[in-house]
Protein backbone atom coordinates (compact mmCIF):
# COMPACT_ATOMS: atom_id res chain seq x y z
CA MET A 1 66.35 79.13 20.17
CA THR A 2 65.74 79.02 23.89
CA GLU A 3 68.46 77.58 26.10
CA ASN A 4 68.71 73.77 26.10
CA SER A 5 66.21 73.46 23.21
CA TYR A 6 67.19 71.08 20.42
CA VAL A 7 63.98 71.62 18.42
CA GLU A 8 62.14 74.94 18.45
CA VAL A 9 58.80 75.40 16.68
CA LYS A 10 57.63 79.02 16.52
CA ASP A 11 54.10 80.12 15.54
CA LEU A 12 53.78 77.41 12.89
CA ARG A 13 50.87 77.78 10.47
CA ARG A 14 49.68 75.81 7.46
CA VAL A 15 46.76 76.84 5.27
CA PHE A 16 45.50 74.67 2.40
CA ASP A 17 43.54 76.06 -0.55
CA VAL A 18 40.61 73.64 -0.87
CA SER A 19 38.62 75.74 -3.34
CA LYS A 20 36.77 74.30 -6.28
CA PRO A 21 38.35 74.88 -9.72
CA TRP A 22 38.06 78.43 -11.07
CA LEU A 23 35.47 77.57 -13.70
CA ASN A 24 33.22 75.87 -11.14
CA ARG A 25 33.41 78.93 -8.89
CA VAL A 26 32.46 81.20 -11.81
CA LEU A 27 29.51 79.06 -12.90
CA GLU A 28 28.25 78.23 -9.40
CA GLY A 29 29.04 81.59 -7.80
CA GLY A 30 31.24 80.11 -5.10
CA GLU A 31 34.21 81.71 -3.34
CA LYS A 32 37.66 80.44 -2.49
CA GLN A 33 37.85 78.23 0.57
CA TYR A 34 40.83 77.76 2.87
CA LEU A 35 41.52 75.15 5.53
CA LYS A 36 43.68 76.15 8.51
CA ALA A 37 45.24 72.81 9.36
CA VAL A 38 47.74 74.33 11.80
CA ASP A 39 47.18 77.75 13.34
CA GLY A 40 49.97 79.19 15.46
CA VAL A 41 51.61 76.14 17.07
CA SER A 42 54.72 76.69 19.21
CA PHE A 43 56.73 74.29 21.35
CA SER A 44 60.29 73.23 22.08
CA ILE A 45 61.99 69.89 22.63
CA ALA A 46 65.17 69.39 24.65
CA LYS A 47 67.86 67.02 23.42
CA GLY A 48 67.12 63.44 24.48
CA GLU A 49 63.50 64.28 25.34
CA THR A 50 60.24 62.83 24.04
CA PHE A 51 57.60 65.47 23.33
CA ALA A 52 54.16 64.20 22.32
CA LEU A 53 51.31 65.82 20.42
CA VAL A 54 47.90 64.26 21.10
CA GLY A 55 44.38 64.94 19.91
CA GLU A 56 41.54 63.56 17.83
CA SER A 57 41.87 62.87 14.12
CA GLY A 58 41.78 66.16 12.24
CA SER A 59 43.49 68.18 14.96
CA GLY A 60 46.59 68.86 12.82
CA LYS A 61 49.13 66.62 14.54
CA SER A 62 50.44 64.89 11.41
CA THR A 63 50.59 68.18 9.51
CA VAL A 64 52.86 69.57 12.24
CA ALA A 65 55.03 66.43 12.01
CA ARG A 66 55.47 66.80 8.26
CA MET A 67 56.38 70.48 8.56
CA VAL A 68 58.93 69.76 11.29
CA VAL A 69 60.84 67.26 9.12
CA GLY A 70 60.56 69.43 6.00
CA LEU A 71 58.14 67.25 4.00
CA LEU A 72 55.62 70.10 3.96
CA PRO A 73 56.51 73.81 3.84
CA PRO A 74 54.77 75.99 6.44
CA THR A 75 52.58 78.88 5.34
CA SER A 76 54.28 80.91 8.07
CA GLY A 77 56.30 80.32 11.20
CA GLU A 78 59.65 78.65 11.67
CA VAL A 79 61.19 75.34 12.68
CA MET A 80 64.69 75.43 14.20
CA ILE A 81 66.60 72.20 14.76
CA ASP A 82 69.94 72.40 16.53
CA GLY A 83 70.15 76.09 15.64
CA VAL A 84 69.44 75.58 11.92
CA SER A 85 66.27 76.92 10.33
CA MET A 86 64.41 74.37 8.21
CA SER A 87 62.87 77.14 6.11
CA SER A 88 65.80 79.50 5.56
CA ARG A 89 67.04 79.59 1.98
CA ALA A 90 70.30 81.20 3.03
CA ALA A 91 71.24 78.16 5.12
CA SER A 92 70.49 75.51 2.47
CA ALA A 93 73.91 73.81 2.86
CA GLU A 94 73.53 73.58 6.64
CA ARG A 95 69.95 72.41 6.24
CA GLN A 96 71.07 69.66 3.87
CA ARG A 97 73.64 68.42 6.39
CA LEU A 98 70.99 68.51 9.08
CA ARG A 99 68.60 66.30 7.10
CA ARG A 100 70.81 63.27 7.71
CA ARG A 101 70.17 63.64 11.43
CA ILE A 102 66.37 63.77 11.02
CA GLN A 103 64.20 60.75 10.23
CA MET A 104 60.54 59.81 10.39
CA ILE A 105 58.69 56.63 11.36
CA PHE A 106 55.27 56.37 9.74
CA GLN A 107 51.97 54.91 10.90
CA ASP A 108 51.70 51.99 8.47
CA PRO A 109 54.96 50.00 8.43
CA TYR A 110 53.98 48.08 5.31
CA ALA A 111 53.06 51.16 3.25
CA SER A 112 56.33 52.86 4.21
CA LEU A 113 58.51 49.97 2.99
CA ASN A 114 59.14 49.25 -0.71
CA PRO A 115 57.55 45.80 -1.25
CA ARG A 116 59.89 45.08 -4.19
CA TRP A 117 63.08 45.61 -2.22
CA GLN A 118 64.72 43.19 0.14
CA VAL A 119 65.10 44.41 3.71
CA ASP A 120 68.87 44.85 3.51
CA ARG A 121 68.43 47.24 0.58
CA ILE A 122 65.69 49.16 2.41
CA VAL A 123 67.80 49.64 5.53
CA ALA A 124 70.91 50.49 3.50
CA GLU A 125 69.16 53.18 1.44
CA PRO A 126 69.92 56.11 3.85
CA ILE A 127 73.54 54.94 4.15
CA ARG A 128 73.96 55.08 0.38
CA ALA A 129 71.92 58.28 -0.05
CA PHE A 130 74.07 60.21 2.43
CA HIS A 131 77.33 58.46 1.39
CA LEU A 132 78.04 57.43 4.97
CA ILE A 133 79.85 54.20 4.02
CA GLU A 134 81.38 53.43 0.63
CA SER A 135 82.37 49.75 0.88
CA GLU A 136 79.53 47.32 0.08
CA LYS A 137 80.91 44.86 2.64
CA ASP A 138 80.93 47.54 5.33
CA ILE A 139 77.40 48.55 4.36
CA ALA A 140 76.25 44.93 4.70
CA ASP A 141 77.92 44.69 8.10
CA ARG A 142 76.25 47.92 9.24
CA VAL A 143 72.83 46.69 8.06
CA GLY A 144 73.34 43.49 10.04
CA GLU A 145 74.19 45.53 13.15
CA LEU A 146 71.07 47.67 12.75
CA LEU A 147 68.80 44.66 12.30
CA SER A 148 70.27 43.08 15.44
CA LEU A 149 69.84 46.38 17.29
CA VAL A 150 66.06 46.34 16.68
CA GLY A 151 65.64 42.67 17.62
CA LEU A 152 65.87 41.01 14.19
CA HIS A 153 68.49 38.63 12.76
CA PRO A 154 71.01 39.84 10.15
CA ALA A 155 69.82 36.99 7.88
CA ASP A 156 66.40 38.69 7.76
CA GLY A 157 67.94 41.20 5.40
CA ARG A 158 67.46 38.76 2.50
CA LYS A 159 63.67 38.69 2.98
CA TYR A 160 60.94 40.96 1.62
CA PRO A 161 58.57 43.10 3.75
CA HIS A 162 55.56 40.82 3.12
CA GLU A 163 57.39 37.97 4.89
CA PHE A 164 57.25 39.81 8.24
CA SER A 165 54.54 40.58 10.78
CA GLY A 166 53.38 44.13 11.43
CA GLY A 167 55.59 44.53 14.49
CA GLN A 168 58.63 43.19 12.63
CA ARG A 169 58.00 45.61 9.76
CA GLN A 170 57.97 48.49 12.19
CA ARG A 171 61.29 47.24 13.58
CA ILE A 172 62.63 47.39 10.01
CA ALA A 173 61.33 50.96 9.69
CA ILE A 174 63.11 51.87 12.93
CA ALA A 175 66.35 50.28 11.67
CA ARG A 176 66.08 52.33 8.49
CA ALA A 177 65.56 55.50 10.54
CA LEU A 178 68.71 54.74 12.53
CA ALA A 179 70.78 53.93 9.44
CA SER A 180 71.67 57.59 8.83
CA ASN A 181 72.83 58.01 12.44
CA ALA A 182 69.70 60.05 13.12
CA GLU A 183 69.45 62.10 16.31
CA PHE A 184 65.90 63.46 15.97
CA ILE A 185 63.07 61.09 14.98
CA VAL A 186 59.47 62.12 14.32
CA CYS A 187 57.13 59.22 15.10
CA ASP A 188 53.73 59.63 13.43
CA GLU A 189 51.36 57.16 15.13
CA PRO A 190 54.06 54.43 14.98
CA THR A 191 52.04 51.79 16.87
CA SER A 192 48.41 52.53 15.98
CA ALA A 193 48.33 49.83 13.26
CA LEU A 194 49.70 47.15 15.61
CA ASP A 195 48.15 44.78 18.15
CA VAL A 196 48.28 45.91 21.78
CA SER A 197 50.89 43.34 22.82
CA VAL A 198 53.09 44.25 19.84
CA GLN A 199 52.64 47.96 20.61
CA ALA A 200 54.25 47.44 24.01
CA GLN A 201 57.24 45.68 22.43
CA ILE A 202 57.81 48.48 19.91
CA LEU A 203 57.42 51.22 22.53
CA ASN A 204 59.87 49.48 24.87
CA LEU A 205 62.31 49.12 21.97
CA MET A 206 62.02 52.84 21.20
CA ARG A 207 62.62 53.74 24.85
CA ASP A 208 65.68 51.46 25.01
CA LEU A 209 67.10 52.95 21.80
CA GLN A 210 66.53 56.46 23.12
CA ASP A 211 68.44 55.68 26.32
CA ARG A 212 71.24 53.94 24.42
CA LEU A 213 71.67 56.41 21.53
CA GLY A 214 70.46 59.67 23.08
CA LEU A 215 67.62 60.08 20.58
CA THR A 216 65.13 62.95 20.60
CA TYR A 217 61.52 62.11 19.70
CA LEU A 218 58.51 64.06 18.51
CA PHE A 219 55.75 61.53 19.15
CA ILE A 220 52.38 61.90 17.42
CA SER A 221 49.48 59.86 18.80
CA HIS A 222 45.78 59.87 19.63
CA ASN A 223 46.31 57.12 22.24
CA LEU A 224 46.81 58.65 25.67
CA ALA A 225 47.92 55.33 27.18
CA VAL A 226 50.79 55.19 24.68
CA VAL A 227 51.71 58.82 25.29
CA ARG A 228 51.76 58.26 29.05
CA HIS A 229 54.36 55.51 28.57
CA MET A 230 56.55 57.48 26.16
CA ALA A 231 56.43 61.23 26.69
CA SER A 232 58.03 63.49 29.27
CA ARG A 233 56.04 66.49 28.00
CA ILE A 234 52.73 66.58 26.15
CA GLY A 235 50.95 69.11 23.95
CA VAL A 236 47.20 68.64 23.43
CA MET A 237 45.97 69.82 20.01
CA TYR A 238 42.47 70.74 18.95
CA LEU A 239 41.57 71.99 15.47
CA GLY A 240 45.06 73.23 14.62
CA ARG A 241 45.95 74.80 17.95
CA ILE A 242 47.67 73.65 21.14
CA VAL A 243 45.13 74.03 23.94
CA GLU A 244 47.31 72.64 26.73
CA ILE A 245 50.98 71.86 27.17
CA SER A 246 52.41 70.32 30.30
CA ASN A 247 54.73 67.84 31.95
CA GLY A 248 53.40 64.34 31.32
CA ARG A 249 52.78 63.39 34.96
CA GLU A 250 51.17 66.74 35.72
CA LEU A 251 48.84 66.53 32.74
CA PHE A 252 47.53 63.10 33.72
CA ALA A 253 47.23 64.00 37.40
CA HIS A 254 45.76 67.49 36.97
CA PRO A 255 44.43 68.11 33.44
CA LYS A 256 43.37 71.72 32.98
CA HIS A 257 41.65 72.26 29.65
CA PRO A 258 38.10 70.82 29.34
CA TYR A 259 39.15 69.04 26.13
CA THR A 260 42.06 67.34 27.89
CA ARG A 261 39.70 66.24 30.65
CA MET A 262 37.29 64.78 28.11
CA LEU A 263 40.10 62.84 26.42
CA LEU A 264 41.28 61.42 29.75
CA ASP A 265 37.74 60.51 30.76
CA ALA A 266 37.44 58.46 27.56
CA VAL A 267 40.37 56.24 28.64
CA PRO A 268 39.13 52.98 30.29
CA ASP A 269 39.33 53.13 34.10
CA ILE A 270 41.40 50.01 34.66
CA GLY A 271 41.94 50.91 38.32
CA MET A 272 38.15 51.01 38.85
CA THR A 273 38.43 54.14 40.98
CA GLY A 274 34.71 54.87 40.71
CA ARG A 275 35.39 58.49 39.73
CA GLN A 276 32.61 60.06 37.69
CA ARG A 277 33.67 60.23 34.07
CA ILE A 278 32.47 62.51 31.29
CA PRO A 279 32.53 60.91 27.83
CA VAL A 280 33.80 62.92 24.84
CA ARG A 281 30.78 64.71 23.41
CA GLY A 282 30.19 65.79 19.83
CA GLU A 283 32.61 65.73 16.93
CA ILE A 284 35.47 67.93 15.81
CA PRO A 285 34.00 70.80 13.72
CA ASN A 286 34.61 71.35 10.02
CA PRO A 287 38.07 73.01 9.84
CA ILE A 288 37.02 74.90 6.69
CA ASN A 289 34.37 76.74 8.70
CA PRO A 290 35.52 76.55 12.34
CA PRO A 291 33.56 78.08 15.25
CA THR A 292 34.41 81.63 16.23
CA GLY A 293 36.36 82.31 19.41
CA CYS A 294 37.55 79.15 21.15
CA THR A 295 37.02 76.40 18.59
CA PHE A 296 36.14 73.97 21.37
CA ASN A 297 33.22 76.08 22.62
CA PRO A 298 30.39 74.07 20.90
CA ARG A 299 31.47 70.97 22.87
CA CYS A 300 32.51 72.66 26.10
CA PRO A 301 30.12 72.66 29.11
CA PHE A 302 31.89 75.73 30.54
CA ALA A 303 31.68 78.01 27.47
CA ASN A 304 30.23 81.52 27.79
CA GLU A 305 29.86 84.48 25.42
CA ARG A 306 33.53 85.40 25.70
CA CYS A 307 34.50 81.85 24.70
CA ARG A 308 32.32 82.18 21.60
CA ALA A 309 33.84 85.54 20.65
CA GLU A 310 37.55 85.54 21.63
CA ILE A 311 40.33 83.05 20.94
CA PRO A 312 41.94 82.27 24.32
CA PRO A 313 45.73 82.77 24.51
CA LEU A 314 48.01 80.02 25.79
CA VAL A 315 48.79 81.31 29.29
CA GLY A 316 50.25 79.13 32.03
CA GLY A 317 50.25 76.15 29.68
CA VAL A 318 46.52 76.27 28.93
CA ALA A 319 44.33 78.15 26.43
CA CYS A 320 40.98 78.42 28.22
CA HIS A 321 38.98 81.48 29.31
CA ALA A 322 37.24 79.45 32.03
CA ILE A 323 40.61 78.60 33.61
CA HIS A 324 42.00 82.14 33.21
CA GLU A 325 38.86 83.69 34.76
CA GLY A 326 38.78 81.20 37.63
CA ARG A 327 35.39 79.79 36.59
CA LEU A 328 36.90 76.31 36.31
CA ALA A 329 39.13 74.99 39.08
CA ILE A 330 42.20 73.04 37.98
CA ASP A 331 41.93 70.61 40.89
CA ALA A 332 38.37 69.77 39.87
CA ALA A 333 39.71 67.17 37.47
CA ALA A 334 42.02 65.41 39.94
């Protein structure tokens, strides 16, 4: 791990076999097909930091999130959290102890909560699973503290998930994530299913909890306005690769990659600056049969023959031949 990194993701890859059954391939003459959902993603997160991954649907953000927490094994690459490899068989005991400190908040708060369990049982589940507290009275007291911490009343523990609004359910999901004394939380589109006003409440709650408890976040979102509020550093993903990675303020002030610029131009101009805006053109290609070279080249107005033939390396925080060759000025987007 690099110095001061709490989470280190190195050259992470995930390939899915999406081939038809063997008999169909024999009868129809087809070949095996593979989908590269994640193709060489690397980044690090410092302790207490919020790092965000943004991009359109199908860019591989959620696949990265699931590999980071261990829900999905990588095809290759490595995830290190606090010096412990999530994929090393030799360190299985250390990895098991580490799992208590890692939690995930999902996109749909209702789907992630057991509808047949009362809230106090849902929140207490990590406490019982990791044997953090043995006494049932102490567990009940801890659940009440957690519910109060996320802005609910301890008496709400006797209710079922369907008795709450969407924002309240997400508060319950956050309380459950904190129940194991988690230090690193992966947030997979945690506010996309909520109303805008409720989104702000949940995001402010997450920021307050981070300041109070020293939490580290990996934040997955397609909403740049949300990311701007939450993240100190941002990685922009396109078709399984990171095309730009930068400090949050710098990325919004001076976006480099043409894809990042398109995403920012799609955000409503509330300030009414009058700046000419370029809408996002085209659709994300089929990941089973991606374009050669830079996968963004069919949608990029600056693409040339090299872009269509060579995959650009991530140099200086951006993977773009036009930037590296000086054909596209960075300040042009400011």
